[in-house]
Amino acid sequence: FAFQASPVKPTPRDYRHWRYAQVGSYGIQGASYTPKGPDRSVTYPAAGNIDPQQGTLEISLTSTFDSTAAGELNRGLFDLLWPADTRVEPERLVAFYWNQDDRGMRVVYREHDAYRCIAGSPYPWKPGEPHTVAFTWGQDAAVYVDGQKQIPLPHTPLFLDPVDLQQAVIRIGGMESDFIVHQVRISDTIRAPGELGSG
């Protein structure tokens, strides 16, 4: 049995000098990733707008992408962050975003340079569908989509240690955010599933 590719190209004269190589790109782990495209985020001061002890974040949105399609990447939606800390993995962070591995909404708590909570679950949606995504923190913490509980979260505040929110910001959207955000509601109480929006 033989296989011959068509069309056949002539063999280069120096083919015996070719060598296979794996070349490392040393230092890439320290390089920052710069997403392409315009920054489509809106920021607000965190102080006075969010209580780290307990609360509810609720966002009514319309997705512009198919969450079941192959090759879809992470989509930013909400971050509580400190802009002065520009590291890829900052000391403190709360993120609520659509995750490519979960194929649904994911919540991340980061404190003292370590991930304290990473929780997400799949939820299929199509472009143009309106949804309300939410998560609660404190007692009875969970992630919700359209008023339906998707996954429980640790029953703790956003941060275990006291934090100064004076330098922190709330960011809605981002460079890689394909959501049309209709409404954002941040409460200092944990809203019951029946009080959360749907669609």
N, C-alpha and C. Protein backbone atom coordinates (compact mmCIF):
# COMPACT_ATOMS: atom_id res chain seq x y z
N PHE A 1 0.85 -1.17 0.00
CA PHE A 1 0.00 0.00 0.00
C PHE A 1 0.89 1.23 0.00
N ALA A 2 0.53 2.20 -0.77
CA ALA A 2 1.30 3.44 -0.84
C ALA A 2 0.34 4.61 -0.95
N PHE A 3 0.78 5.74 -0.46
CA PHE A 3 -0.01 6.97 -0.55
C PHE A 3 0.89 8.04 -1.15
N GLN A 4 0.41 8.69 -2.17
CA GLN A 4 1.18 9.76 -2.78
C GLN A 4 0.27 10.98 -2.88
N ALA A 5 0.74 12.08 -2.30
CA ALA A 5 -0.03 13.32 -2.34
C ALA A 5 -0.04 13.88 -3.74
N SER A 6 -1.10 14.53 -4.08
CA SER A 6 -1.21 15.11 -5.41
C SER A 6 -1.63 16.57 -5.23
N PRO A 7 -1.09 17.54 -5.87
CA PRO A 7 0.01 17.39 -6.82
C PRO A 7 1.34 17.16 -6.10
N VAL A 8 2.23 16.50 -6.77
CA VAL A 8 3.54 16.17 -6.20
C VAL A 8 4.49 17.33 -6.45
N LYS A 9 5.12 17.75 -5.36
CA LYS A 9 6.10 18.83 -5.49
C LYS A 9 7.50 18.21 -5.53
N PRO A 10 8.42 18.84 -6.21
CA PRO A 10 9.78 18.31 -6.23
C PRO A 10 10.39 18.41 -4.83
N THR A 11 11.24 17.46 -4.48
CA THR A 11 11.90 17.43 -3.19
C THR A 11 13.01 18.48 -3.18
N PRO A 12 13.03 19.37 -2.17
CA PRO A 12 14.11 20.36 -2.11
C PRO A 12 15.46 19.67 -1.91
N ARG A 13 16.53 20.25 -2.46
CA ARG A 13 17.86 19.64 -2.38
C ARG A 13 18.38 19.55 -0.96
N ASP A 14 17.98 20.51 -0.10
CA ASP A 14 18.54 20.54 1.26
C ASP A 14 17.65 19.83 2.29
N TYR A 15 16.75 18.97 1.84
CA TYR A 15 15.80 18.38 2.79
C TYR A 15 16.50 17.55 3.86
N ARG A 16 17.68 17.00 3.59
CA ARG A 16 18.39 16.20 4.57
C ARG A 16 18.95 17.06 5.71
N HIS A 17 18.97 18.35 5.53
CA HIS A 17 19.50 19.25 6.56
C HIS A 17 18.39 19.84 7.44
N TRP A 18 17.16 19.52 7.13
CA TRP A 18 16.05 20.04 7.93
C TRP A 18 16.05 19.34 9.28
N ARG A 19 15.74 20.06 10.32
CA ARG A 19 15.67 19.49 11.67
C ARG A 19 14.39 19.95 12.34
N TYR A 20 13.77 19.02 13.04
CA TYR A 20 12.58 19.35 13.82
C TYR A 20 13.03 20.06 15.08
N ALA A 21 12.30 21.07 15.50
CA ALA A 21 12.66 21.80 16.72
C ALA A 21 11.42 22.25 17.45
N GLN A 22 11.50 22.17 18.76
CA GLN A 22 10.49 22.79 19.60
C GLN A 22 11.17 23.96 20.27
N VAL A 23 10.68 25.14 19.98
CA VAL A 23 11.31 26.34 20.49
C VAL A 23 10.42 26.94 21.57
N GLY A 24 10.96 27.15 22.75
CA GLY A 24 10.19 27.71 23.85
C GLY A 24 10.13 29.23 23.76
N SER A 25 9.05 29.78 24.28
CA SER A 25 8.91 31.23 24.37
C SER A 25 9.00 31.58 25.85
N TYR A 26 10.23 31.64 26.34
CA TYR A 26 10.45 31.84 27.77
C TYR A 26 10.04 33.24 28.19
N GLY A 27 9.36 33.32 29.33
CA GLY A 27 8.90 34.60 29.85
C GLY A 27 7.47 34.93 29.47
N ILE A 28 6.85 34.10 28.64
CA ILE A 28 5.48 34.37 28.21
C ILE A 28 4.51 34.34 29.39
N GLN A 29 4.84 33.56 30.43
CA GLN A 29 3.95 33.48 31.58
C GLN A 29 3.87 34.83 32.32
N GLY A 30 4.85 35.68 32.14
CA GLY A 30 4.83 36.99 32.80
C GLY A 30 4.26 38.09 31.91
N ALA A 31 4.05 37.78 30.64
CA ALA A 31 3.53 38.80 29.72
C ALA A 31 2.03 38.95 29.91
N SER A 32 1.58 40.17 29.83
CA SER A 32 0.14 40.40 30.00
C SER A 32 -0.59 40.17 28.68
N TYR A 33 -1.79 39.65 28.80
CA TYR A 33 -2.64 39.41 27.63
C TYR A 33 -3.42 40.68 27.33
N THR A 34 -3.35 41.14 26.11
CA THR A 34 -4.08 42.34 25.72
C THR A 34 -5.17 41.95 24.73
N PRO A 35 -6.43 41.96 25.18
CA PRO A 35 -7.51 41.62 24.26
C PRO A 35 -7.61 42.65 23.14
N LYS A 36 -8.12 42.20 22.01
CA LYS A 36 -8.27 43.10 20.88
C LYS A 36 -9.68 43.68 20.86
N GLY A 37 -9.80 44.84 20.28
CA GLY A 37 -11.11 45.46 20.14
C GLY A 37 -11.30 46.61 21.12
N PRO A 38 -12.40 47.31 20.96
CA PRO A 38 -12.66 48.47 21.83
C PRO A 38 -13.07 48.04 23.23
N ASP A 39 -12.74 48.87 24.20
CA ASP A 39 -13.16 48.62 25.58
C ASP A 39 -14.60 49.10 25.70
N ARG A 40 -15.52 48.17 25.90
CA ARG A 40 -16.94 48.51 25.99
C ARG A 40 -17.42 48.38 27.43
N SER A 41 -16.64 48.96 28.34
CA SER A 41 -17.00 48.85 29.76
C SER A 41 -17.44 50.20 30.32
N VAL A 42 -18.19 50.10 31.39
CA VAL A 42 -18.61 51.27 32.16
C VAL A 42 -18.17 51.00 33.59
N THR A 43 -17.56 52.00 34.24
CA THR A 43 -17.10 51.81 35.61
C THR A 43 -17.79 52.78 36.55
N TYR A 44 -17.96 52.30 37.77
CA TYR A 44 -18.56 53.09 38.85
C TYR A 44 -17.70 52.91 40.08
N PRO A 45 -17.68 53.90 40.97
CA PRO A 45 -16.95 53.69 42.23
C PRO A 45 -17.63 52.59 43.04
N ALA A 46 -16.83 51.74 43.66
CA ALA A 46 -17.40 50.64 44.45
C ALA A 46 -17.90 51.13 45.81
N ALA A 47 -17.19 52.08 46.40
CA ALA A 47 -17.56 52.57 47.73
C ALA A 47 -18.96 53.17 47.68
N GLY A 48 -19.85 52.67 48.53
CA GLY A 48 -21.22 53.16 48.59
C GLY A 48 -22.17 52.48 47.62
N ASN A 49 -21.64 51.68 46.69
CA ASN A 49 -22.49 51.03 45.71
C ASN A 49 -22.57 49.51 45.88
N ILE A 50 -21.72 48.94 46.72
CA ILE A 50 -21.76 47.50 46.95
C ILE A 50 -21.31 47.20 48.37
N ASP A 51 -21.99 46.28 49.03
CA ASP A 51 -21.66 45.86 50.39
C ASP A 51 -20.98 44.50 50.30
N PRO A 52 -19.68 44.39 50.64
CA PRO A 52 -19.00 43.11 50.52
C PRO A 52 -19.52 42.03 51.48
N GLN A 53 -20.28 42.42 52.50
CA GLN A 53 -20.75 41.44 53.49
C GLN A 53 -21.89 40.57 52.97
N GLN A 54 -22.85 41.19 52.30
CA GLN A 54 -23.97 40.44 51.73
C GLN A 54 -24.63 41.29 50.65
N GLY A 55 -25.29 40.62 49.72
CA GLY A 55 -25.98 41.37 48.68
C GLY A 55 -26.37 40.52 47.50
N THR A 56 -26.89 41.21 46.49
CA THR A 56 -27.33 40.57 45.26
C THR A 56 -26.92 41.44 44.08
N LEU A 57 -26.34 40.82 43.07
CA LEU A 57 -26.07 41.48 41.79
C LEU A 57 -27.01 40.86 40.78
N GLU A 58 -27.74 41.70 40.09
CA GLU A 58 -28.73 41.24 39.11
C GLU A 58 -28.54 42.05 37.83
N ILE A 59 -28.35 41.37 36.70
CA ILE A 59 -28.11 42.05 35.43
C ILE A 59 -29.07 41.49 34.38
N SER A 60 -29.90 42.37 33.81
CA SER A 60 -30.77 42.00 32.70
C SER A 60 -30.03 42.30 31.41
N LEU A 61 -29.96 41.31 30.53
CA LEU A 61 -29.13 41.45 29.34
C LEU A 61 -29.71 40.69 28.16
N THR A 62 -29.15 40.97 27.01
CA THR A 62 -29.40 40.19 25.81
C THR A 62 -28.06 39.75 25.28
N SER A 63 -27.92 38.45 25.04
CA SER A 63 -26.67 37.90 24.52
C SER A 63 -26.62 38.11 23.01
N THR A 64 -25.43 38.36 22.48
CA THR A 64 -25.26 38.48 21.03
C THR A 64 -24.51 37.29 20.47
N PHE A 65 -24.32 36.23 21.28
CA PHE A 65 -23.60 35.05 20.81
C PHE A 65 -24.34 33.79 21.23
N ASP A 66 -24.02 32.70 20.57
CA ASP A 66 -24.62 31.40 20.84
C ASP A 66 -23.75 30.67 21.85
N SER A 67 -24.26 30.45 23.05
CA SER A 67 -23.45 29.83 24.10
C SER A 67 -23.17 28.36 23.84
N THR A 68 -23.85 27.76 22.89
CA THR A 68 -23.62 26.34 22.58
C THR A 68 -22.67 26.15 21.41
N ALA A 69 -22.27 27.22 20.75
CA ALA A 69 -21.39 27.12 19.58
C ALA A 69 -19.97 26.81 20.01
N ALA A 70 -19.30 25.99 19.24
CA ALA A 70 -17.90 25.66 19.53
C ALA A 70 -17.03 26.88 19.30
N GLY A 71 -15.97 26.98 20.10
CA GLY A 71 -15.00 28.05 19.91
C GLY A 71 -15.32 29.37 20.57
N GLU A 72 -16.44 29.45 21.27
CA GLU A 72 -16.76 30.70 21.97
C GLU A 72 -15.82 30.87 23.17
N LEU A 73 -15.33 32.09 23.38
CA LEU A 73 -14.40 32.37 24.46
C LEU A 73 -15.10 33.15 25.57
N ASN A 74 -14.39 33.31 26.69
CA ASN A 74 -14.95 34.01 27.85
C ASN A 74 -15.50 35.38 27.47
N ARG A 75 -16.59 35.77 28.14
CA ARG A 75 -17.21 37.08 27.92
C ARG A 75 -17.37 37.78 29.26
N GLY A 76 -16.70 38.92 29.41
CA GLY A 76 -16.76 39.69 30.65
C GLY A 76 -18.12 40.34 30.84
N LEU A 77 -18.55 40.42 32.11
CA LEU A 77 -19.81 41.08 32.42
C LEU A 77 -19.70 41.98 33.63
N PHE A 78 -19.15 41.48 34.75
CA PHE A 78 -19.06 42.27 35.98
C PHE A 78 -17.74 41.96 36.68
N ASP A 79 -17.08 43.02 37.16
CA ASP A 79 -15.88 42.87 37.98
C ASP A 79 -15.92 43.87 39.11
N LEU A 80 -15.50 43.45 40.28
CA LEU A 80 -15.19 44.34 41.40
C LEU A 80 -13.69 44.25 41.53
N LEU A 81 -12.99 45.35 41.23
CA LEU A 81 -11.53 45.29 41.18
C LEU A 81 -10.89 46.59 41.64
N TRP A 82 -9.59 46.52 41.82
CA TRP A 82 -8.78 47.67 42.21
C TRP A 82 -7.88 47.99 41.03
N PRO A 83 -8.16 49.09 40.29
CA PRO A 83 -7.41 49.40 39.05
C PRO A 83 -5.91 49.57 39.26
N ALA A 84 -5.47 49.95 40.45
CA ALA A 84 -4.04 50.12 40.68
C ALA A 84 -3.29 48.79 40.60
N ASP A 85 -3.97 47.68 40.84
CA ASP A 85 -3.36 46.35 40.75
C ASP A 85 -3.58 45.83 39.33
N THR A 86 -2.57 46.02 38.48
CA THR A 86 -2.72 45.71 37.05
C THR A 86 -2.24 44.31 36.69
N ARG A 87 -1.93 43.49 37.68
CA ARG A 87 -1.47 42.13 37.39
C ARG A 87 -2.59 41.30 36.76
N VAL A 88 -2.23 40.29 36.00
CA VAL A 88 -3.22 39.41 35.38
C VAL A 88 -4.05 38.73 36.46
N GLU A 89 -3.41 38.32 37.54
CA GLU A 89 -4.10 37.72 38.68
C GLU A 89 -3.90 38.64 39.88
N PRO A 90 -4.81 39.58 40.09
CA PRO A 90 -4.63 40.58 41.15
C PRO A 90 -4.80 39.99 42.55
N GLU A 91 -4.45 40.79 43.54
CA GLU A 91 -4.56 40.34 44.93
C GLU A 91 -6.01 40.06 45.29
N ARG A 92 -6.91 40.95 44.85
CA ARG A 92 -8.34 40.84 45.17
C ARG A 92 -9.16 41.03 43.91
N LEU A 93 -10.28 40.29 43.81
CA LEU A 93 -11.12 40.42 42.63
C LEU A 93 -12.42 39.64 42.87
N VAL A 94 -13.51 40.18 42.35
CA VAL A 94 -14.75 39.42 42.22
C VAL A 94 -15.16 39.56 40.77
N ALA A 95 -15.40 38.44 40.11
CA ALA A 95 -15.78 38.46 38.69
C ALA A 95 -17.02 37.61 38.48
N PHE A 96 -17.91 38.08 37.60
CA PHE A 96 -19.12 37.36 37.21
C PHE A 96 -19.16 37.46 35.70
N TYR A 97 -18.97 36.34 35.01
CA TYR A 97 -18.81 36.38 33.56
C TYR A 97 -19.27 35.07 32.93
N TRP A 98 -19.46 35.09 31.60
CA TRP A 98 -19.76 33.86 30.88
C TRP A 98 -18.45 33.15 30.63
N ASN A 99 -18.38 31.88 31.03
CA ASN A 99 -17.12 31.14 30.97
C ASN A 99 -17.16 30.09 29.87
N GLN A 100 -16.08 30.01 29.11
CA GLN A 100 -16.00 29.09 27.98
C GLN A 100 -15.97 27.63 28.40
N ASP A 101 -15.47 27.32 29.59
CA ASP A 101 -15.42 25.92 30.05
C ASP A 101 -16.76 25.49 30.64
N ASP A 102 -17.36 26.36 31.43
CA ASP A 102 -18.67 26.05 32.03
C ASP A 102 -19.79 26.12 31.01
N ARG A 103 -19.59 26.92 29.95
CA ARG A 103 -20.64 27.20 28.97
C ARG A 103 -21.83 27.88 29.65
N GLY A 104 -21.53 28.70 30.62
CA GLY A 104 -22.54 29.44 31.37
C GLY A 104 -21.87 30.46 32.28
N MET A 105 -22.63 31.02 33.19
CA MET A 105 -22.12 32.06 34.08
C MET A 105 -21.24 31.46 35.17
N ARG A 106 -20.15 32.17 35.48
CA ARG A 106 -19.20 31.75 36.51
C ARG A 106 -18.94 32.91 37.46
N VAL A 107 -18.78 32.58 38.74
CA VAL A 107 -18.41 33.55 39.77
C VAL A 107 -17.03 33.19 40.28
N VAL A 108 -16.17 34.21 40.43
CA VAL A 108 -14.82 34.01 40.96
C VAL A 108 -14.60 35.00 42.10
N TYR A 109 -14.14 34.51 43.25
CA TYR A 109 -13.67 35.36 44.35
C TYR A 109 -12.17 35.13 44.46
N ARG A 110 -11.42 36.20 44.50
CA ARG A 110 -9.97 36.10 44.69
C ARG A 110 -9.56 37.01 45.84
N GLU A 111 -8.77 36.49 46.74
CA GLU A 111 -8.34 37.26 47.91
C GLU A 111 -6.97 36.76 48.36
N HIS A 112 -6.10 37.69 48.75
CA HIS A 112 -4.73 37.36 49.19
C HIS A 112 -3.99 36.52 48.14
N ASP A 113 -4.11 36.92 46.88
CA ASP A 113 -3.42 36.26 45.77
C ASP A 113 -3.80 34.80 45.58
N ALA A 114 -4.99 34.42 46.01
CA ALA A 114 -5.44 33.03 45.84
C ALA A 114 -6.92 33.01 45.49
N TYR A 115 -7.32 32.03 44.70
CA TYR A 115 -8.73 31.88 44.36
C TYR A 115 -9.45 31.23 45.53
N ARG A 116 -10.48 31.89 46.02
CA ARG A 116 -11.25 31.39 47.15
C ARG A 116 -12.52 30.69 46.68
N CYS A 117 -13.03 31.10 45.53
CA CYS A 117 -14.24 30.49 44.99
C CYS A 117 -14.19 30.58 43.47
N ILE A 118 -14.43 29.45 42.82
CA ILE A 118 -14.63 29.40 41.37
C ILE A 118 -15.82 28.48 41.16
N ALA A 119 -16.94 29.04 40.74
CA ALA A 119 -18.16 28.22 40.60
C ALA A 119 -18.93 28.66 39.36
N GLY A 120 -19.33 27.69 38.57
CA GLY A 120 -20.11 27.97 37.38
C GLY A 120 -20.89 26.75 36.95
N SER A 121 -21.85 26.98 36.07
CA SER A 121 -22.65 25.87 35.55
C SER A 121 -23.13 26.20 34.15
N PRO A 122 -23.39 25.19 33.33
CA PRO A 122 -23.82 25.45 31.96
C PRO A 122 -25.26 25.97 31.90
N TYR A 123 -25.49 26.84 30.93
CA TYR A 123 -26.83 27.33 30.67
C TYR A 123 -26.88 27.76 29.20
N PRO A 124 -27.62 27.04 28.36
CA PRO A 124 -27.63 27.36 26.92
C PRO A 124 -28.51 28.56 26.60
N TRP A 125 -28.02 29.44 25.73
CA TRP A 125 -28.84 30.52 25.20
C TRP A 125 -28.39 30.87 23.80
N LYS A 126 -29.26 31.52 23.08
CA LYS A 126 -29.03 31.88 21.68
C LYS A 126 -28.95 33.39 21.55
N PRO A 127 -28.36 33.89 20.46
CA PRO A 127 -28.30 35.33 20.25
C PRO A 127 -29.70 35.94 20.22
N GLY A 128 -29.82 37.09 20.86
CA GLY A 128 -31.10 37.81 20.85
C GLY A 128 -32.03 37.43 21.99
N GLU A 129 -31.71 36.40 22.74
CA GLU A 129 -32.57 36.00 23.87
C GLU A 129 -32.30 36.89 25.08
N PRO A 130 -33.35 37.45 25.69
CA PRO A 130 -33.15 38.22 26.91
C PRO A 130 -33.08 37.29 28.12
N HIS A 131 -32.17 37.59 29.04
CA HIS A 131 -32.02 36.81 30.27
C HIS A 131 -31.69 37.75 31.42
N THR A 132 -31.93 37.28 32.62
CA THR A 132 -31.48 37.98 33.82
C THR A 132 -30.57 37.03 34.57
N VAL A 133 -29.31 37.44 34.73
CA VAL A 133 -28.34 36.65 35.47
C VAL A 133 -28.08 37.33 36.79
N ALA A 134 -27.87 36.55 37.83
CA ALA A 134 -27.70 37.13 39.16
C ALA A 134 -26.83 36.22 40.00
N PHE A 135 -26.21 36.81 41.02
CA PHE A 135 -25.61 36.00 42.07
C PHE A 135 -25.73 36.73 43.39
N THR A 136 -25.83 35.94 44.45
CA THR A 136 -25.95 36.48 45.80
C THR A 136 -24.73 36.06 46.60
N TRP A 137 -24.40 36.85 47.62
CA TRP A 137 -23.28 36.52 48.50
C TRP A 137 -23.71 36.78 49.94
N GLY A 138 -22.99 36.17 50.86
CA GLY A 138 -23.40 36.17 52.27
C GLY A 138 -24.08 34.85 52.56
N GLN A 139 -25.10 34.87 53.37
CA GLN A 139 -25.87 33.64 53.63
C GLN A 139 -26.74 33.33 52.42
N ASP A 140 -26.95 32.06 52.14
CA ASP A 140 -27.77 31.60 51.01
C ASP A 140 -27.27 32.17 49.68
N ALA A 141 -25.97 31.99 49.43
CA ALA A 141 -25.34 32.51 48.22
C ALA A 141 -25.49 31.51 47.08
N ALA A 142 -25.74 32.03 45.87
CA ALA A 142 -25.93 31.16 44.71
C ALA A 142 -25.88 31.98 43.42
N VAL A 143 -25.79 31.27 42.29
CA VAL A 143 -25.88 31.86 40.96
C VAL A 143 -27.26 31.53 40.41
N TYR A 144 -27.89 32.53 39.78
CA TYR A 144 -29.23 32.36 39.22
C TYR A 144 -29.25 32.81 37.76
N VAL A 145 -30.05 32.14 36.95
CA VAL A 145 -30.36 32.59 35.60
C VAL A 145 -31.88 32.55 35.46
N ASP A 146 -32.46 33.70 35.15
CA ASP A 146 -33.91 33.83 35.01
C ASP A 146 -34.66 33.33 36.24
N GLY A 147 -34.12 33.66 37.42
CA GLY A 147 -34.78 33.31 38.67
C GLY A 147 -34.60 31.86 39.10
N GLN A 148 -33.90 31.06 38.31
CA GLN A 148 -33.68 29.65 38.64
C GLN A 148 -32.27 29.46 39.20
N LYS A 149 -32.19 28.82 40.36
CA LYS A 149 -30.89 28.59 40.99
C LYS A 149 -30.07 27.62 40.14
N GLN A 150 -28.85 28.03 39.80
CA GLN A 150 -27.98 27.21 38.96
C GLN A 150 -26.95 26.44 39.79
N ILE A 151 -26.33 27.13 40.75
CA ILE A 151 -25.27 26.50 41.54
C ILE A 151 -25.11 27.27 42.84
N PRO A 152 -24.92 26.57 43.97
CA PRO A 152 -24.69 27.28 45.23
C PRO A 152 -23.27 27.85 45.29
N LEU A 153 -23.10 28.89 46.10
CA LEU A 153 -21.80 29.50 46.34
C LEU A 153 -21.49 29.39 47.84
N PRO A 154 -20.23 29.60 48.22
CA PRO A 154 -19.92 29.58 49.66
C PRO A 154 -20.74 30.63 50.40
N HIS A 155 -21.26 30.28 51.55
CA HIS A 155 -22.08 31.20 52.34
C HIS A 155 -21.18 32.13 53.14
N THR A 156 -20.48 32.99 52.43
CA THR A 156 -19.53 33.91 53.03
C THR A 156 -19.65 35.28 52.37
N PRO A 157 -19.06 36.31 52.98
CA PRO A 157 -18.96 37.60 52.28
C PRO A 157 -18.07 37.47 51.04
N LEU A 158 -18.02 38.53 50.24
CA LEU A 158 -17.15 38.50 49.06
C LEU A 158 -15.69 38.35 49.46
N PHE A 159 -15.31 38.99 50.57
CA PHE A 159 -13.95 38.91 51.07
C PHE A 159 -14.01 38.54 52.55
N LEU A 160 -13.13 37.64 52.97
CA LEU A 160 -13.13 37.20 54.37
C LEU A 160 -12.56 38.28 55.28
N ASP A 161 -11.57 39.03 54.79
CA ASP A 161 -10.97 40.11 55.58
C ASP A 161 -11.59 41.44 55.18
N PRO A 162 -11.60 42.42 56.09
CA PRO A 162 -12.14 43.75 55.74
C PRO A 162 -11.36 44.36 54.57
N VAL A 163 -12.07 45.04 53.68
CA VAL A 163 -11.45 45.68 52.52
C VAL A 163 -11.86 47.14 52.46
N ASP A 164 -10.96 47.95 51.92
CA ASP A 164 -11.24 49.37 51.70
C ASP A 164 -11.68 49.53 50.25
N LEU A 165 -12.93 49.91 50.04
CA LEU A 165 -13.48 50.04 48.70
C LEU A 165 -13.23 51.42 48.08
N GLN A 166 -12.53 52.31 48.78
CA GLN A 166 -12.32 53.67 48.27
C GLN A 166 -11.58 53.68 46.94
N GLN A 167 -10.66 52.74 46.73
CA GLN A 167 -9.89 52.69 45.48
C GLN A 167 -10.43 51.65 44.51
N ALA A 168 -11.51 50.97 44.88
CA ALA A 168 -12.08 49.91 44.04
C ALA A 168 -13.13 50.46 43.09
N VAL A 169 -13.34 49.74 41.98
CA VAL A 169 -14.36 50.12 41.02
C VAL A 169 -15.22 48.90 40.66
N ILE A 170 -16.41 49.19 40.22
CA ILE A 170 -17.30 48.19 39.65
C ILE A 170 -17.23 48.39 38.14
N ARG A 171 -16.89 47.33 37.42
CA ARG A 171 -16.81 47.43 35.95
C ARG A 171 -17.89 46.53 35.35
N ILE A 172 -18.69 47.12 34.49
CA ILE A 172 -19.71 46.38 33.75
C ILE A 172 -19.24 46.30 32.31
N GLY A 173 -19.16 45.10 31.74
CA GLY A 173 -18.71 44.92 30.37
C GLY A 173 -17.22 44.71 30.30
N GLY A 174 -16.62 45.13 29.20
CA GLY A 174 -15.19 44.96 28.99
C GLY A 174 -14.88 44.86 27.52
N MET A 175 -13.62 44.53 27.21
CA MET A 175 -13.21 44.42 25.81
C MET A 175 -13.86 43.21 25.15
N GLU A 176 -14.00 42.14 25.88
CA GLU A 176 -14.57 40.93 25.30
C GLU A 176 -15.91 40.64 25.96
N SER A 177 -16.84 41.54 25.76
CA SER A 177 -18.17 41.39 26.33
C SER A 177 -19.19 41.54 25.22
N ASP A 178 -19.87 40.46 24.92
CA ASP A 178 -20.86 40.50 23.83
C ASP A 178 -22.27 40.43 24.39
N PHE A 179 -22.54 41.32 25.34
CA PHE A 179 -23.86 41.42 25.95
C PHE A 179 -24.40 42.83 25.72
N ILE A 180 -25.69 42.92 25.53
CA ILE A 180 -26.37 44.21 25.58
C ILE A 180 -26.99 44.26 26.96
N VAL A 181 -26.46 45.14 27.81
CA VAL A 181 -26.91 45.23 29.20
C VAL A 181 -28.07 46.21 29.28
N HIS A 182 -29.21 45.76 29.79
CA HIS A 182 -30.39 46.60 29.91
C HIS A 182 -30.51 47.23 31.29
N GLN A 183 -30.14 46.46 32.32
CA GLN A 183 -30.31 46.96 33.68
C GLN A 183 -29.36 46.25 34.62
N VAL A 184 -28.81 47.01 35.56
CA VAL A 184 -27.96 46.45 36.61
C VAL A 184 -28.56 46.86 37.95
N ARG A 185 -28.75 45.90 38.83
CA ARG A 185 -29.26 46.22 40.17
C ARG A 185 -28.36 45.53 41.19
N ILE A 186 -27.78 46.34 42.08
CA ILE A 186 -26.95 45.81 43.16
C ILE A 186 -27.67 46.14 44.46
N SER A 187 -27.99 45.11 45.22
CA SER A 187 -28.72 45.28 46.48
C SER A 187 -27.82 44.92 47.66
N ASP A 188 -28.09 45.51 48.81
CA ASP A 188 -27.34 45.14 50.01
C ASP A 188 -28.08 44.08 50.82
N THR A 189 -29.08 43.46 50.21
CA THR A 189 -29.79 42.33 50.81
C THR A 189 -29.74 41.16 49.84
N ILE A 190 -29.96 39.98 50.36
CA ILE A 190 -30.01 38.80 49.51
C ILE A 190 -31.45 38.64 49.04
N ARG A 191 -31.66 38.84 47.76
CA ARG A 191 -33.00 38.74 47.21
C ARG A 191 -33.40 37.29 47.02
N ALA A 192 -34.66 37.00 47.32
CA ALA A 192 -35.19 35.67 47.12
C ALA A 192 -35.34 35.39 45.63
N PRO A 193 -35.28 34.12 45.21
CA PRO A 193 -35.41 33.82 43.77
C PRO A 193 -36.66 34.42 43.14
N GLY A 194 -37.78 34.49 43.87
CA GLY A 194 -39.00 35.07 43.34
C GLY A 194 -38.90 36.58 43.09
N GLU A 195 -37.93 37.25 43.73
CA GLU A 195 -37.74 38.69 43.54
C GLU A 195 -36.80 39.00 42.39
N LEU A 196 -36.13 37.98 41.87
CA LEU A 196 -35.19 38.19 40.77
C LEU A 196 -35.93 38.25 39.44
N GLY A 197 -35.41 39.01 38.52
CA GLY A 197 -36.01 39.12 37.21
C GLY A 197 -35.84 37.84 36.39
N SER A 198 -36.61 37.76 35.33
CA SER A 198 -36.46 36.64 34.40
C SER A 198 -36.65 37.18 32.99
N GLY A 199 -35.73 36.81 32.13
CA GLY A 199 -35.81 37.28 30.74
C GLY A 199 -35.50 38.73 30.59
